[in-house]
Amino acid sequence: MASGFGGLDEFWPFYIAQHMNRANRRLHFAGTTFGLVALAACMLLREPRLIPIGLAGAYGLAWIGHFKFEGNKPATFRYPFLSFRADLRMYRLMWTGSMEAEIIRLKQQILPYR
């Protein structure tokens, strides 16, 4: 891949290293939820103008998390497609309550990226 990562599984530890702050992860969760709700509303109401609103809300909350709480640049600036996929994986893990266990599982792989 042009990103330097062989795929999502190889990118995942880097992505998590960029999301160690709990407030940042929570803002990502809120932003992704907002974006998904906006997408659902767009489809139900057949209102395409909701798409940019959903994107702005989702990315806006995530970027606040990075700049204010994490103190780094969002990975999406360099790796937009892998970051989107990783965000959905993180969202699922947070939804199921498995994110903290995933961070512990990846602890040694995360260290080079911190």
C-alpha atoms as a PDB file:
ATOM      1  CA  MET A   1       0.000   0.000   0.000  1.00  0.00           C
ATOM      2  CA  ALA A   2       1.108   3.557  -0.660  1.00  0.00           C
ATOM      3  CA  SER A   3       0.583   4.383   3.026  1.00  0.00           C
ATOM      4  CA  GLY A   4       3.539   2.305   4.180  1.00  0.00           C
ATOM      5  CA  PHE A   5       1.176   0.015   6.083  1.00  0.00           C
ATOM      6  CA  GLY A   6       0.203  -3.380   4.695  1.00  0.00           C
ATOM      7  CA  GLY A   7      -3.445  -2.933   5.623  1.00  0.00           C
ATOM      8  CA  LEU A   8      -5.720  -2.212   8.536  1.00  0.00           C
ATOM      9  CA  ASP A   9      -4.240  -4.799  10.896  1.00  0.00           C
ATOM     10  CA  GLU A  10      -0.757  -3.359  10.395  1.00  0.00           C
ATOM     11  CA  PHE A  11      -2.053   0.227  10.739  1.00  0.00           C
ATOM     12  CA  TRP A  12      -4.145  -0.515  13.846  1.00  0.00           C
ATOM     13  CA  PRO A  13      -1.377  -0.243  16.523  1.00  0.00           C
ATOM     14  CA  PHE A  14      -0.272   3.103  15.050  1.00  0.00           C
ATOM     15  CA  TYR A  15      -3.859   4.339  15.059  1.00  0.00           C
ATOM     16  CA  ILE A  16      -4.406   3.309  18.667  1.00  0.00           C
ATOM     17  CA  ALA A  17      -1.138   4.985  19.694  1.00  0.00           C
ATOM     18  CA  GLN A  18      -2.645   8.206  18.346  1.00  0.00           C
ATOM     19  CA  HIS A  19      -5.805   7.675  20.441  1.00  0.00           C
ATOM     20  CA  MET A  20      -4.537   6.895  23.939  1.00  0.00           C
ATOM     21  CA  ASN A  21      -6.385   9.770  25.610  1.00  0.00           C
ATOM     22  CA  ARG A  22      -9.827   8.674  26.801  1.00  0.00           C
ATOM     23  CA  ALA A  23     -11.418  12.113  26.137  1.00  0.00           C
ATOM     24  CA  ASN A  24     -10.165  11.954  22.560  1.00  0.00           C
ATOM     25  CA  ARG A  25     -11.664   8.494  22.088  1.00  0.00           C
ATOM     26  CA  ARG A  26     -14.964   9.650  23.566  1.00  0.00           C
ATOM     27  CA  LEU A  27     -15.089  12.607  21.197  1.00  0.00           C
ATOM     28  CA  HIS A  28     -14.433  10.193  18.324  1.00  0.00           C
ATOM     29  CA  PHE A  29     -17.283   8.004  19.548  1.00  0.00           C
ATOM     30  CA  ALA A  30     -19.637  11.000  19.750  1.00  0.00           C
ATOM     31  CA  GLY A  31     -18.515  12.240  16.336  1.00  0.00           C
ATOM     32  CA  THR A  32     -18.936   8.868  14.665  1.00  0.00           C
ATOM     33  CA  THR A  33     -22.374   8.502  16.240  1.00  0.00           C
ATOM     34  CA  PHE A  34     -23.318  11.960  14.977  1.00  0.00           C
ATOM     35  CA  GLY A  35     -22.085  11.092  11.493  1.00  0.00           C
ATOM     36  CA  LEU A  36     -23.975   7.791  11.408  1.00  0.00           C
ATOM     37  CA  VAL A  37     -27.182   9.442  12.646  1.00  0.00           C
ATOM     38  CA  ALA A  38     -26.814  12.137   9.991  1.00  0.00           C
ATOM     39  CA  LEU A  39     -26.284   9.455   7.325  1.00  0.00           C
ATOM     40  CA  ALA A  40     -29.369   7.552   8.489  1.00  0.00           C
ATOM     41  CA  ALA A  41     -31.416  10.761   8.508  1.00  0.00           C
ATOM     42  CA  CYS A  42     -30.124  11.598   5.037  1.00  0.00           C
ATOM     43  CA  MET A  43     -31.321   8.249   3.732  1.00  0.00           C
ATOM     44  CA  LEU A  44     -34.652   8.280   5.562  1.00  0.00           C
ATOM     45  CA  LEU A  45     -35.496  11.870   4.711  1.00  0.00           C
ATOM     46  CA  ARG A  46     -33.832  11.786   1.276  1.00  0.00           C
ATOM     47  CA  GLU A  47     -32.004  14.939   2.214  1.00  0.00           C
ATOM     48  CA  PRO A  48     -28.447  14.904   0.790  1.00  0.00           C
ATOM     49  CA  ARG A  49     -27.612  18.210   2.497  1.00  0.00           C
ATOM     50  CA  LEU A  50     -27.273  16.247   5.752  1.00  0.00           C
ATOM     51  CA  ILE A  51     -24.132  14.494   4.499  1.00  0.00           C
ATOM     52  CA  PRO A  52     -21.779  17.485   4.852  1.00  0.00           C
ATOM     53  CA  ILE A  53     -23.343  18.298   8.225  1.00  0.00           C
ATOM     54  CA  GLY A  54     -22.650  14.751   9.406  1.00  0.00           C
ATOM     55  CA  LEU A  55     -19.082  14.849   8.108  1.00  0.00           C
ATOM     56  CA  ALA A  56     -18.405  18.243   9.693  1.00  0.00           C
ATOM     57  CA  GLY A  57     -19.778  17.105  13.043  1.00  0.00           C
ATOM     58  CA  ALA A  58     -17.935  13.795  12.995  1.00  0.00           C
ATOM     59  CA  TYR A  59     -14.560  15.168  11.957  1.00  0.00           C
ATOM     60  CA  GLY A  60     -14.956  18.339  14.014  1.00  0.00           C
ATOM     61  CA  LEU A  61     -15.387  16.415  17.252  1.00  0.00           C
ATOM     62  CA  ALA A  62     -12.534  14.062  16.406  1.00  0.00           C
ATOM     63  CA  TRP A  63     -10.182  16.926  15.561  1.00  0.00           C
ATOM     64  CA  ILE A  64     -11.039  18.712  18.809  1.00  0.00           C
ATOM     65  CA  GLY A  65     -10.052  15.503  20.579  1.00  0.00           C
ATOM     66  CA  HIS A  66      -6.698  15.413  18.832  1.00  0.00           C
ATOM     67  CA  PHE A  67      -5.753  19.065  19.147  1.00  0.00           C
ATOM     68  CA  LYS A  68      -7.115  19.725  22.649  1.00  0.00           C
ATOM     69  CA  PHE A  69      -6.695  16.412  24.481  1.00  0.00           C
ATOM     70  CA  GLU A  70      -4.285  14.169  22.568  1.00  0.00           C
ATOM     71  CA  GLY A  71      -1.888  16.872  21.392  1.00  0.00           C
ATOM     72  CA  ASN A  72      -1.273  15.372  17.960  1.00  0.00           C
ATOM     73  CA  LYS A  73      -2.452  15.678  14.374  1.00  0.00           C
ATOM     74  CA  PRO A  74      -5.299  13.409  13.285  1.00  0.00           C
ATOM     75  CA  ALA A  75      -4.075  10.319  11.432  1.00  0.00           C
ATOM     76  CA  THR A  76      -6.718  11.013   8.798  1.00  0.00           C
ATOM     77  CA  PHE A  77      -4.529  13.830   7.430  1.00  0.00           C
ATOM     78  CA  ARG A  78      -1.936  11.272   6.291  1.00  0.00           C
ATOM     79  CA  TYR A  79      -3.947   8.052   6.075  1.00  0.00           C
ATOM     80  CA  PRO A  80      -7.566   8.959   5.267  1.00  0.00           C
ATOM     81  CA  PHE A  81      -8.872   5.551   4.187  1.00  0.00           C
ATOM     82  CA  LEU A  82      -7.102   3.480   6.820  1.00  0.00           C
ATOM     83  CA  SER A  83      -8.092   6.019   9.481  1.00  0.00           C
ATOM     84  CA  PHE A  84     -11.741   5.804   8.496  1.00  0.00           C
ATOM     85  CA  ARG A  85     -11.684   2.007   8.732  1.00  0.00           C
ATOM     86  CA  ALA A  86      -9.767   2.116  12.028  1.00  0.00           C
ATOM     87  CA  ASP A  87     -12.247   4.628  13.452  1.00  0.00           C
ATOM     88  CA  LEU A  88     -15.101   2.256  12.685  1.00  0.00           C
ATOM     89  CA  ARG A  89     -13.208  -0.578  14.391  1.00  0.00           C
ATOM     90  CA  MET A  90     -12.527   1.620  17.441  1.00  0.00           C
ATOM     91  CA  TYR A  91     -16.199   2.665  17.469  1.00  0.00           C
ATOM     92  CA  ARG A  92     -17.289  -0.984  17.522  1.00  0.00           C
ATOM     93  CA  LEU A  93     -14.856  -1.834  20.313  1.00  0.00           C
ATOM     94  CA  MET A  94     -16.024   1.147  22.354  1.00  0.00           C
ATOM     95  CA  TRP A  95     -19.660   0.232  21.720  1.00  0.00           C
ATOM     96  CA  THR A  96     -19.055  -3.287  23.039  1.00  0.00           C
ATOM     97  CA  GLY A  97     -16.905  -2.122  25.977  1.00  0.00           C
ATOM     98  CA  SER A  98     -13.773  -3.827  24.633  1.00  0.00           C
ATOM     99  CA  MET A  99     -11.582  -0.815  23.846  1.00  0.00           C
ATOM    100  CA  GLU A 100      -9.600  -0.731  27.104  1.00  0.00           C
ATOM    101  CA  ALA A 101      -8.798  -4.435  26.766  1.00  0.00           C
ATOM    102  CA  GLU A 102      -7.663  -3.806  23.179  1.00  0.00           C
ATOM    103  CA  ILE A 103      -5.285  -1.059  24.335  1.00  0.00           C
ATOM    104  CA  ILE A 104      -3.810  -3.423  26.919  1.00  0.00           C
ATOM    105  CA  ARG A 105      -3.497  -6.158  24.280  1.00  0.00           C
ATOM    106  CA  LEU A 106      -1.619  -3.806  21.931  1.00  0.00           C
ATOM    107  CA  LYS A 107       0.582  -2.140  24.581  1.00  0.00           C
ATOM    108  CA  GLN A 108       3.921  -3.454  23.244  1.00  0.00           C
ATOM    109  CA  GLN A 109       3.019  -2.755  19.609  1.00  0.00           C
ATOM    110  CA  ILE A 110       1.973   0.818  20.449  1.00  0.00           C
ATOM    111  CA  LEU A 111       5.253   1.840  22.127  1.00  0.00           C
ATOM    112  CA  PRO A 112       7.235   2.590  18.926  1.00  0.00           C
ATOM    113  CA  TYR A 113       4.545   5.058  17.799  1.00  0.00           C
ATOM    114  CA  ARG A 114       4.330   7.057  21.052  1.00  0.00           C
END
